[in-house]
């Protein structure tokens, strides 16, 4: 990991001086690279940053977007109930600690009340939605928005310099 670099995604609404602040706008600029994965596009921009290039002129654009649902397992009543109990118990521990601090009572009794209340809440909040599906969705999954490719664009005033720098990067 390189220091001094942001390896997380940033909020485009918080970047002053960007066109169409707060409103969705198509990206602008000249293409300086195209990559099959986001990691490779991010590596290219990081390389530009390492070369002291003005990366505020650069945009990564996901092209050919797809919504991908990855199935992670089968859902059964025991799994739903167990998951509800566990998530409810964690919520109950948190609420029990807050209750103990606010009311200045015995920590054990406050934790017990919190955990029991959390377990009941967890059971209800997990069981009702699962029962409502009536067996039509007996699996758990995660959703992702992915792109077929990632283009790196650059403002025309510095695009040629960026292309020259990226030509030296062997991805």
N, C-alpha and C. Protein backbone atom coordinates (compact mmCIF):
# COMPACT_ATOMS: atom_id res chain seq x y z
N UNK A 1 0.84 -1.17 0.00
CA UNK A 1 0.00 0.00 0.00
C UNK A 1 0.89 1.24 0.00
N UNK A 2 0.58 2.17 -0.83
CA UNK A 2 1.36 3.39 -0.92
C UNK A 2 0.82 4.41 0.06
N UNK A 3 1.68 5.15 0.69
CA UNK A 3 1.22 6.15 1.63
C UNK A 3 0.90 7.44 0.91
N UNK A 4 -0.01 8.19 1.50
CA UNK A 4 -0.36 9.48 0.93
C UNK A 4 -1.37 9.40 -0.19
N UNK A 5 -1.91 8.21 -0.43
CA UNK A 5 -2.88 8.05 -1.51
C UNK A 5 -4.18 7.56 -0.94
N UNK A 6 -5.27 8.01 -1.49
CA UNK A 6 -6.58 7.55 -1.06
C UNK A 6 -6.93 6.32 -1.88
N UNK A 7 -7.00 5.13 -1.22
CA UNK A 7 -7.34 3.95 -1.98
C UNK A 7 -8.81 3.59 -1.83
N UNK A 8 -9.61 4.50 -1.31
CA UNK A 8 -11.05 4.29 -1.26
C UNK A 8 -11.70 5.20 -2.28
N UNK A 9 -12.97 4.97 -2.50
CA UNK A 9 -13.69 5.83 -3.44
C UNK A 9 -14.06 7.12 -2.74
N UNK A 10 -14.06 8.22 -3.45
CA UNK A 10 -14.41 9.50 -2.86
C UNK A 10 -15.76 9.94 -3.39
N UNK A 11 -16.36 10.85 -2.69
CA UNK A 11 -17.66 11.37 -3.07
C UNK A 11 -17.47 12.48 -4.08
N UNK A 12 -17.96 12.29 -5.31
CA UNK A 12 -17.77 13.33 -6.33
C UNK A 12 -18.51 14.61 -5.99
N UNK A 13 -19.51 14.54 -5.12
CA UNK A 13 -20.25 15.75 -4.75
C UNK A 13 -19.42 16.66 -3.85
N UNK A 14 -18.40 16.09 -3.21
CA UNK A 14 -17.61 16.90 -2.28
C UNK A 14 -16.37 17.50 -2.94
N UNK A 15 -16.20 17.31 -4.23
CA UNK A 15 -15.00 17.81 -4.89
C UNK A 15 -15.29 19.18 -5.50
N UNK A 16 -14.74 20.23 -4.90
CA UNK A 16 -14.99 21.57 -5.42
C UNK A 16 -14.39 21.74 -6.82
N UNK A 17 -15.07 22.53 -7.62
CA UNK A 17 -14.55 22.86 -8.94
C UNK A 17 -14.86 21.84 -10.02
N UNK A 18 -15.59 20.78 -9.69
CA UNK A 18 -15.96 19.79 -10.70
C UNK A 18 -17.20 20.29 -11.43
N UNK A 19 -17.32 20.01 -12.74
CA UNK A 19 -18.49 20.45 -13.50
C UNK A 19 -19.76 19.80 -12.97
N UNK A 20 -20.85 20.56 -12.96
CA UNK A 20 -22.15 20.04 -12.58
C UNK A 20 -22.20 19.57 -11.15
N UNK A 21 -21.58 20.31 -10.24
CA UNK A 21 -21.51 19.88 -8.85
C UNK A 21 -22.89 19.44 -8.35
N UNK A 22 -22.95 18.20 -7.85
CA UNK A 22 -24.16 17.69 -7.27
C UNK A 22 -25.13 17.08 -8.26
N UNK A 23 -24.96 17.33 -9.54
CA UNK A 23 -25.88 16.80 -10.54
C UNK A 23 -25.17 15.74 -11.37
N UNK A 24 -25.87 14.67 -11.72
CA UNK A 24 -25.23 13.66 -12.58
C UNK A 24 -24.93 14.24 -13.95
N UNK A 25 -23.69 14.15 -14.37
CA UNK A 25 -23.29 14.63 -15.70
C UNK A 25 -22.41 13.59 -16.36
N UNK A 26 -22.50 13.47 -17.67
CA UNK A 26 -21.60 12.53 -18.36
C UNK A 26 -20.16 12.95 -18.18
N UNK A 27 -19.24 11.99 -18.16
CA UNK A 27 -17.83 12.34 -17.99
C UNK A 27 -17.31 13.05 -19.23
N UNK A 28 -16.29 13.85 -19.00
CA UNK A 28 -15.66 14.55 -20.12
C UNK A 28 -14.19 14.19 -20.15
N UNK A 29 -13.56 14.45 -21.27
CA UNK A 29 -12.12 14.21 -21.38
C UNK A 29 -11.80 13.25 -22.50
N UNK A 30 -10.52 13.11 -22.74
CA UNK A 30 -10.02 12.23 -23.78
C UNK A 30 -9.59 10.91 -23.14
N UNK A 31 -9.84 9.79 -23.82
CA UNK A 31 -9.41 8.51 -23.26
C UNK A 31 -7.88 8.40 -23.26
N UNK A 32 -7.34 7.99 -22.12
CA UNK A 32 -5.89 7.81 -22.01
C UNK A 32 -5.55 6.37 -21.66
N UNK A 33 -6.57 5.55 -21.41
CA UNK A 33 -6.33 4.15 -21.11
C UNK A 33 -7.65 3.42 -20.91
N UNK A 34 -7.65 2.12 -21.18
CA UNK A 34 -8.83 1.29 -20.98
C UNK A 34 -8.37 -0.01 -20.34
N UNK A 35 -9.08 -0.43 -19.27
CA UNK A 35 -8.62 -1.56 -18.47
C UNK A 35 -9.77 -2.52 -18.19
N UNK A 36 -9.48 -3.81 -18.12
CA UNK A 36 -10.55 -4.79 -17.89
C UNK A 36 -11.07 -4.82 -16.45
N UNK A 37 -10.28 -4.32 -15.49
CA UNK A 37 -10.73 -4.32 -14.09
C UNK A 37 -10.56 -2.93 -13.48
N UNK A 38 -11.34 -2.70 -12.45
CA UNK A 38 -11.23 -1.42 -11.74
C UNK A 38 -9.85 -1.30 -11.08
N UNK A 39 -9.34 -2.40 -10.56
CA UNK A 39 -8.03 -2.37 -9.89
C UNK A 39 -6.93 -1.89 -10.84
N UNK A 40 -7.00 -2.31 -12.10
CA UNK A 40 -5.99 -1.87 -13.06
C UNK A 40 -6.15 -0.39 -13.40
N UNK A 41 -7.39 0.08 -13.53
CA UNK A 41 -7.61 1.51 -13.79
C UNK A 41 -7.14 2.33 -12.60
N UNK A 42 -7.42 1.85 -11.40
CA UNK A 42 -6.99 2.55 -10.19
C UNK A 42 -5.46 2.57 -10.11
N UNK A 43 -4.84 1.48 -10.49
CA UNK A 43 -3.37 1.42 -10.50
C UNK A 43 -2.79 2.45 -11.47
N UNK A 44 -3.43 2.61 -12.64
CA UNK A 44 -2.96 3.58 -13.62
C UNK A 44 -3.03 5.00 -13.06
N UNK A 45 -4.15 5.33 -12.41
CA UNK A 45 -4.30 6.67 -11.84
C UNK A 45 -3.32 6.86 -10.69
N UNK A 46 -3.11 5.83 -9.89
CA UNK A 46 -2.14 5.91 -8.80
C UNK A 46 -0.74 6.15 -9.35
N UNK A 47 -0.42 5.48 -10.46
CA UNK A 47 0.87 5.69 -11.11
C UNK A 47 1.03 7.14 -11.56
N UNK A 48 -0.04 7.68 -12.15
CA UNK A 48 0.01 9.09 -12.57
C UNK A 48 0.27 9.99 -11.36
N UNK A 49 -0.41 9.68 -10.25
CA UNK A 49 -0.21 10.47 -9.03
C UNK A 49 1.23 10.36 -8.54
N UNK A 50 1.79 9.16 -8.59
CA UNK A 50 3.18 8.96 -8.17
C UNK A 50 4.15 9.76 -9.03
N UNK A 51 3.77 10.01 -10.29
CA UNK A 51 4.61 10.78 -11.21
C UNK A 51 4.34 12.28 -11.11
N UNK A 52 3.62 12.69 -10.05
CA UNK A 52 3.32 14.11 -9.79
C UNK A 52 2.39 14.71 -10.86
N UNK A 53 1.60 13.86 -11.52
CA UNK A 53 0.64 14.33 -12.52
C UNK A 53 -0.59 14.90 -11.80
N UNK A 54 -1.21 15.90 -12.39
CA UNK A 54 -2.39 16.53 -11.77
C UNK A 54 -3.61 15.61 -11.96
N UNK A 55 -3.79 14.68 -11.02
CA UNK A 55 -4.84 13.66 -11.15
C UNK A 55 -6.25 14.22 -11.02
N UNK A 56 -6.40 15.47 -10.61
CA UNK A 56 -7.75 16.06 -10.56
C UNK A 56 -8.33 16.22 -11.96
N UNK A 57 -7.50 16.08 -12.99
CA UNK A 57 -7.97 16.13 -14.38
C UNK A 57 -8.43 14.76 -14.89
N UNK A 58 -8.32 13.73 -14.05
CA UNK A 58 -8.56 12.35 -14.48
C UNK A 58 -9.89 11.84 -13.92
N UNK A 59 -10.56 11.00 -14.73
CA UNK A 59 -11.81 10.37 -14.32
C UNK A 59 -11.76 8.90 -14.72
N UNK A 60 -12.21 8.02 -13.81
CA UNK A 60 -12.36 6.60 -14.14
C UNK A 60 -13.84 6.38 -14.44
N UNK A 61 -14.11 5.79 -15.61
CA UNK A 61 -15.48 5.58 -16.05
C UNK A 61 -15.73 4.09 -16.26
N UNK A 62 -16.72 3.55 -15.55
CA UNK A 62 -17.14 2.17 -15.78
C UNK A 62 -18.05 2.13 -17.00
N UNK A 63 -17.73 1.29 -17.97
CA UNK A 63 -18.49 1.18 -19.22
C UNK A 63 -19.14 -0.20 -19.27
N UNK A 64 -20.31 -0.28 -19.90
CA UNK A 64 -21.07 -1.53 -19.99
C UNK A 64 -21.40 -2.06 -18.60
N UNK A 65 -22.16 -1.27 -17.84
CA UNK A 65 -22.48 -1.63 -16.47
C UNK A 65 -23.41 -2.84 -16.41
N UNK A 66 -23.17 -3.66 -15.39
CA UNK A 66 -23.98 -4.85 -15.14
C UNK A 66 -24.29 -4.93 -13.66
N UNK A 67 -25.50 -5.34 -13.33
CA UNK A 67 -25.83 -5.64 -11.95
C UNK A 67 -25.64 -7.14 -11.78
N UNK A 68 -24.77 -7.53 -10.85
CA UNK A 68 -24.43 -8.94 -10.66
C UNK A 68 -24.91 -9.37 -9.28
N UNK A 69 -25.71 -10.42 -9.26
CA UNK A 69 -26.17 -10.99 -8.00
C UNK A 69 -25.44 -12.31 -7.81
N UNK A 70 -24.63 -12.38 -6.76
CA UNK A 70 -23.87 -13.60 -6.48
C UNK A 70 -24.56 -14.35 -5.35
N UNK A 71 -24.97 -15.58 -5.63
CA UNK A 71 -25.65 -16.41 -4.64
C UNK A 71 -24.60 -16.97 -3.69
N UNK A 72 -24.82 -16.76 -2.38
CA UNK A 72 -23.82 -17.18 -1.40
C UNK A 72 -24.28 -18.37 -0.57
N UNK A 73 -25.55 -18.76 -0.70
CA UNK A 73 -25.97 -19.94 0.05
C UNK A 73 -27.48 -20.11 0.08
N UNK A 74 -27.88 -21.29 0.51
CA UNK A 74 -29.30 -21.62 0.62
C UNK A 74 -29.83 -21.12 1.96
N UNK A 75 -31.04 -20.60 1.96
CA UNK A 75 -31.68 -20.17 3.20
C UNK A 75 -32.64 -21.26 3.67
N UNK A 76 -32.58 -21.55 4.96
CA UNK A 76 -33.51 -22.47 5.59
C UNK A 76 -34.02 -21.81 6.86
N UNK A 77 -35.10 -22.32 7.41
CA UNK A 77 -35.63 -21.74 8.65
C UNK A 77 -34.59 -21.72 9.76
N UNK A 78 -33.84 -22.81 10.00
CA UNK A 78 -32.82 -22.73 11.07
C UNK A 78 -31.78 -21.62 10.83
N UNK A 79 -31.36 -21.43 9.57
CA UNK A 79 -30.39 -20.36 9.29
C UNK A 79 -31.00 -18.99 9.51
N UNK A 80 -32.25 -18.80 9.10
CA UNK A 80 -32.92 -17.51 9.27
C UNK A 80 -33.09 -17.20 10.76
N UNK A 81 -33.57 -18.18 11.52
CA UNK A 81 -33.79 -17.98 12.95
C UNK A 81 -32.45 -17.75 13.67
N UNK A 82 -31.45 -18.57 13.34
CA UNK A 82 -30.12 -18.40 13.95
C UNK A 82 -29.53 -17.03 13.66
N UNK A 83 -29.64 -16.60 12.40
CA UNK A 83 -29.13 -15.27 12.04
C UNK A 83 -29.88 -14.17 12.76
N UNK A 84 -31.19 -14.31 12.89
CA UNK A 84 -31.98 -13.32 13.61
C UNK A 84 -31.60 -13.24 15.08
N UNK A 85 -31.38 -14.41 15.70
CA UNK A 85 -30.98 -14.44 17.10
C UNK A 85 -29.62 -13.77 17.28
N UNK A 86 -28.66 -14.12 16.42
CA UNK A 86 -27.31 -13.54 16.55
C UNK A 86 -27.31 -12.03 16.34
N UNK A 87 -27.94 -11.56 15.27
CA UNK A 87 -27.93 -10.12 15.02
C UNK A 87 -28.71 -9.38 16.10
N UNK A 88 -29.80 -9.98 16.57
CA UNK A 88 -30.57 -9.36 17.64
C UNK A 88 -29.79 -9.31 18.95
N UNK A 89 -29.04 -10.38 19.24
CA UNK A 89 -28.25 -10.40 20.47
C UNK A 89 -27.19 -9.31 20.45
N UNK A 90 -26.52 -9.12 19.29
CA UNK A 90 -25.52 -8.05 19.20
C UNK A 90 -26.15 -6.68 19.41
N UNK A 91 -27.30 -6.47 18.79
CA UNK A 91 -28.02 -5.21 19.00
C UNK A 91 -28.38 -5.06 20.47
N UNK A 92 -28.80 -6.16 21.09
CA UNK A 92 -29.17 -6.13 22.50
C UNK A 92 -28.01 -5.80 23.42
N UNK A 93 -26.83 -6.31 23.11
CA UNK A 93 -25.64 -5.98 23.91
C UNK A 93 -25.39 -4.48 23.85
N UNK A 94 -25.46 -3.93 22.66
CA UNK A 94 -25.25 -2.49 22.49
C UNK A 94 -26.30 -1.70 23.28
N UNK A 95 -27.56 -2.05 23.09
CA UNK A 95 -28.63 -1.33 23.79
C UNK A 95 -28.55 -1.53 25.30
N UNK A 96 -28.17 -2.74 25.73
CA UNK A 96 -28.02 -3.01 27.16
C UNK A 96 -26.93 -2.16 27.79
N UNK A 97 -25.82 -2.01 27.08
CA UNK A 97 -24.74 -1.15 27.60
C UNK A 97 -25.18 0.30 27.70
N UNK A 98 -25.89 0.76 26.68
CA UNK A 98 -26.40 2.14 26.73
C UNK A 98 -27.39 2.30 27.89
N UNK A 99 -28.27 1.32 28.05
CA UNK A 99 -29.25 1.36 29.14
C UNK A 99 -28.54 1.40 30.49
N UNK A 100 -27.49 0.60 30.66
CA UNK A 100 -26.75 0.57 31.92
C UNK A 100 -26.07 1.91 32.20
N UNK A 101 -25.54 2.53 31.15
CA UNK A 101 -24.85 3.81 31.34
C UNK A 101 -25.85 4.92 31.66
N UNK A 102 -26.96 4.94 30.93
CA UNK A 102 -27.94 6.01 31.13
C UNK A 102 -28.66 5.89 32.47
N UNK A 103 -29.08 4.67 32.82
CA UNK A 103 -29.86 4.50 34.06
C UNK A 103 -28.99 4.30 35.29
N UNK A 104 -27.69 4.08 35.07
CA UNK A 104 -26.75 3.88 36.17
C UNK A 104 -27.19 2.73 37.08
N UNK A 105 -27.62 1.64 36.45
CA UNK A 105 -28.04 0.45 37.20
C UNK A 105 -27.02 -0.66 37.02
N UNK A 106 -27.36 -1.83 37.54
CA UNK A 106 -26.51 -3.00 37.46
C UNK A 106 -26.27 -3.36 35.99
N UNK A 107 -25.00 -3.45 35.60
CA UNK A 107 -24.65 -3.74 34.20
C UNK A 107 -25.19 -5.09 33.75
N UNK A 108 -25.11 -6.09 34.63
CA UNK A 108 -25.56 -7.42 34.25
C UNK A 108 -27.05 -7.45 33.92
N UNK A 109 -27.86 -6.85 34.77
CA UNK A 109 -29.31 -6.88 34.51
C UNK A 109 -29.66 -6.05 33.27
N UNK A 110 -28.99 -4.93 33.08
CA UNK A 110 -29.25 -4.11 31.89
C UNK A 110 -28.84 -4.87 30.62
N UNK A 111 -27.69 -5.56 30.67
CA UNK A 111 -27.25 -6.36 29.52
C UNK A 111 -28.23 -7.50 29.25
N UNK A 112 -28.71 -8.17 30.31
CA UNK A 112 -29.65 -9.26 30.14
C UNK A 112 -30.95 -8.78 29.49
N UNK A 113 -31.48 -7.66 29.96
CA UNK A 113 -32.70 -7.09 29.37
C UNK A 113 -32.44 -6.72 27.91
N UNK A 114 -31.31 -6.09 27.66
CA UNK A 114 -30.98 -5.70 26.29
C UNK A 114 -30.84 -6.88 25.36
N UNK A 115 -30.14 -7.94 25.80
CA UNK A 115 -29.93 -9.11 24.95
C UNK A 115 -31.26 -9.83 24.70
N UNK A 116 -32.07 -10.01 25.74
CA UNK A 116 -33.36 -10.68 25.55
C UNK A 116 -34.26 -9.89 24.61
N UNK A 117 -34.32 -8.58 24.80
CA UNK A 117 -35.11 -7.74 23.90
C UNK A 117 -34.56 -7.79 22.48
N UNK A 118 -33.25 -7.78 22.34
CA UNK A 118 -32.62 -7.85 21.02
C UNK A 118 -32.89 -9.17 20.32
N UNK A 119 -32.86 -10.27 21.07
CA UNK A 119 -33.13 -11.59 20.49
C UNK A 119 -34.57 -11.65 19.97
N UNK A 120 -35.52 -11.15 20.75
CA UNK A 120 -36.92 -11.13 20.31
C UNK A 120 -37.05 -10.26 19.06
N UNK A 121 -36.45 -9.09 19.07
CA UNK A 121 -36.51 -8.20 17.91
C UNK A 121 -35.86 -8.86 16.69
N UNK A 122 -34.71 -9.49 16.89
CA UNK A 122 -34.00 -10.15 15.79
C UNK A 122 -34.81 -11.29 15.19
N UNK A 123 -35.44 -12.09 16.04
CA UNK A 123 -36.28 -13.18 15.56
C UNK A 123 -37.43 -12.66 14.69
N UNK A 124 -38.09 -11.63 15.18
CA UNK A 124 -39.23 -11.08 14.44
C UNK A 124 -38.77 -10.44 13.13
N UNK A 125 -37.71 -9.63 13.20
CA UNK A 125 -37.27 -8.91 12.01
C UNK A 125 -36.66 -9.83 10.95
N UNK A 126 -36.21 -11.03 11.32
CA UNK A 126 -35.68 -11.97 10.33
C UNK A 126 -36.77 -12.92 9.82
N UNK A 127 -37.66 -13.33 10.70
CA UNK A 127 -38.67 -14.35 10.35
C UNK A 127 -39.78 -13.81 9.46
N UNK A 128 -40.28 -12.63 9.74
CA UNK A 128 -41.42 -12.10 8.97
C UNK A 128 -41.07 -11.92 7.50
N UNK A 129 -39.96 -11.26 7.15
CA UNK A 129 -39.65 -11.13 5.72
C UNK A 129 -39.42 -12.49 5.03
N UNK A 130 -38.78 -13.43 5.73
CA UNK A 130 -38.53 -14.74 5.12
C UNK A 130 -39.85 -15.47 4.90
N UNK A 131 -40.75 -15.42 5.87
CA UNK A 131 -42.05 -16.07 5.72
C UNK A 131 -42.85 -15.43 4.59
N UNK A 132 -42.69 -14.12 4.40
CA UNK A 132 -43.45 -13.41 3.36
C UNK A 132 -43.05 -13.86 1.95
N UNK A 133 -41.85 -14.40 1.78
CA UNK A 133 -41.43 -14.84 0.45
C UNK A 133 -42.11 -16.15 0.05
N UNK A 134 -42.66 -16.87 1.01
CA UNK A 134 -43.38 -18.14 0.77
C UNK A 134 -42.57 -19.09 -0.11
N UNK A 135 -41.28 -19.22 0.17
CA UNK A 135 -40.43 -20.17 -0.54
C UNK A 135 -40.00 -19.72 -1.92
N UNK A 136 -40.32 -18.50 -2.32
CA UNK A 136 -39.95 -18.02 -3.65
C UNK A 136 -38.51 -17.56 -3.73
N UNK A 137 -37.88 -17.37 -2.59
CA UNK A 137 -36.49 -16.91 -2.59
C UNK A 137 -35.76 -17.55 -1.41
N UNK A 138 -35.39 -18.80 -1.59
CA UNK A 138 -34.75 -19.55 -0.51
C UNK A 138 -33.23 -19.53 -0.65
N UNK A 139 -32.67 -18.36 -0.94
CA UNK A 139 -31.22 -18.24 -1.02
C UNK A 139 -30.81 -16.85 -0.59
N UNK A 140 -29.56 -16.74 -0.14
CA UNK A 140 -28.97 -15.46 0.23
C UNK A 140 -28.00 -15.05 -0.88
N UNK A 141 -27.91 -13.74 -1.11
CA UNK A 141 -27.03 -13.27 -2.18
C UNK A 141 -26.52 -11.88 -1.87
N UNK A 142 -25.51 -11.48 -2.63
CA UNK A 142 -25.01 -10.11 -2.56
C UNK A 142 -25.13 -9.50 -3.95
N UNK A 143 -25.34 -8.19 -4.00
CA UNK A 143 -25.48 -7.49 -5.27
C UNK A 143 -24.27 -6.57 -5.47
N UNK A 144 -23.82 -6.52 -6.71
CA UNK A 144 -22.72 -5.62 -7.08
C UNK A 144 -23.05 -4.97 -8.41
N UNK A 145 -22.56 -3.76 -8.57
CA UNK A 145 -22.61 -3.08 -9.85
C UNK A 145 -21.19 -3.13 -10.41
N UNK A 146 -21.01 -3.82 -11.53
CA UNK A 146 -19.68 -3.95 -12.13
C UNK A 146 -19.72 -3.48 -13.58
N UNK A 147 -18.56 -3.20 -14.11
CA UNK A 147 -18.46 -2.73 -15.49
C UNK A 147 -17.72 -3.75 -16.33
N UNK A 148 -18.01 -3.75 -17.62
CA UNK A 148 -17.30 -4.62 -18.56
C UNK A 148 -15.87 -4.16 -18.77
N UNK A 149 -15.65 -2.84 -18.66
CA UNK A 149 -14.30 -2.29 -18.76
C UNK A 149 -14.30 -0.93 -18.04
N UNK A 150 -13.11 -0.45 -17.76
CA UNK A 150 -12.95 0.83 -17.07
C UNK A 150 -12.04 1.72 -17.91
N UNK A 151 -12.61 2.82 -18.39
CA UNK A 151 -11.83 3.78 -19.18
C UNK A 151 -11.32 4.88 -18.26
N UNK A 152 -10.11 5.31 -18.51
CA UNK A 152 -9.55 6.44 -17.79
C UNK A 152 -9.53 7.61 -18.76
N UNK A 153 -10.22 8.68 -18.37
CA UNK A 153 -10.29 9.89 -19.20
C UNK A 153 -9.49 10.99 -18.55
N UNK A 154 -9.06 11.93 -19.37
CA UNK A 154 -8.28 13.05 -18.86
C UNK A 154 -8.69 14.31 -19.62
N UNK A 155 -8.66 15.43 -18.93
CA UNK A 155 -8.97 16.70 -19.58
C UNK A 155 -7.99 16.92 -20.73
N UNK A 156 -8.47 17.47 -21.85
CA UNK A 156 -7.63 17.61 -23.05
C UNK A 156 -6.31 18.34 -22.82
N UNK A 157 -6.28 19.32 -21.92
CA UNK A 157 -5.05 20.11 -21.72
C UNK A 157 -3.87 19.28 -21.22
N UNK A 158 -4.15 18.15 -20.55
CA UNK A 158 -3.05 17.33 -20.01
C UNK A 158 -3.11 15.87 -20.48
N UNK A 159 -4.03 15.56 -21.40
CA UNK A 159 -4.22 14.17 -21.83
C UNK A 159 -2.98 13.58 -22.50
N UNK A 160 -2.31 14.35 -23.32
CA UNK A 160 -1.14 13.82 -24.02
C UNK A 160 -0.03 13.45 -23.04
N UNK A 161 0.19 14.30 -22.05
CA UNK A 161 1.21 14.00 -21.03
C UNK A 161 0.82 12.74 -20.26
N UNK A 162 -0.47 12.61 -19.93
CA UNK A 162 -0.93 11.42 -19.20
C UNK A 162 -0.73 10.16 -20.02
N UNK A 163 -1.04 10.21 -21.31
CA UNK A 163 -0.84 9.05 -22.19
C UNK A 163 0.64 8.65 -22.23
N UNK A 164 1.50 9.64 -22.34
CA UNK A 164 2.95 9.36 -22.36
C UNK A 164 3.41 8.68 -21.07
N UNK A 165 2.90 9.16 -19.92
CA UNK A 165 3.27 8.55 -18.64
C UNK A 165 2.75 7.12 -18.54
N UNK A 166 1.50 6.91 -18.94
CA UNK A 166 0.92 5.58 -18.86
C UNK A 166 1.58 4.59 -19.82
N UNK A 167 2.15 5.10 -20.89
CA UNK A 167 2.86 4.21 -21.83
C UNK A 167 4.06 3.54 -21.15
N UNK A 168 4.60 4.19 -20.11
CA UNK A 168 5.75 3.64 -19.39
C UNK A 168 5.34 2.61 -18.32
N UNK A 169 4.03 2.59 -18.01
CA UNK A 169 3.53 1.68 -16.98
C UNK A 169 3.14 0.36 -17.62
N UNK A 170 3.77 -0.71 -17.19
CA UNK A 170 3.43 -2.05 -17.72
C UNK A 170 2.42 -2.67 -16.79
N UNK A 171 1.18 -2.70 -17.25
CA UNK A 171 0.11 -3.28 -16.43
C UNK A 171 -0.10 -4.72 -16.79
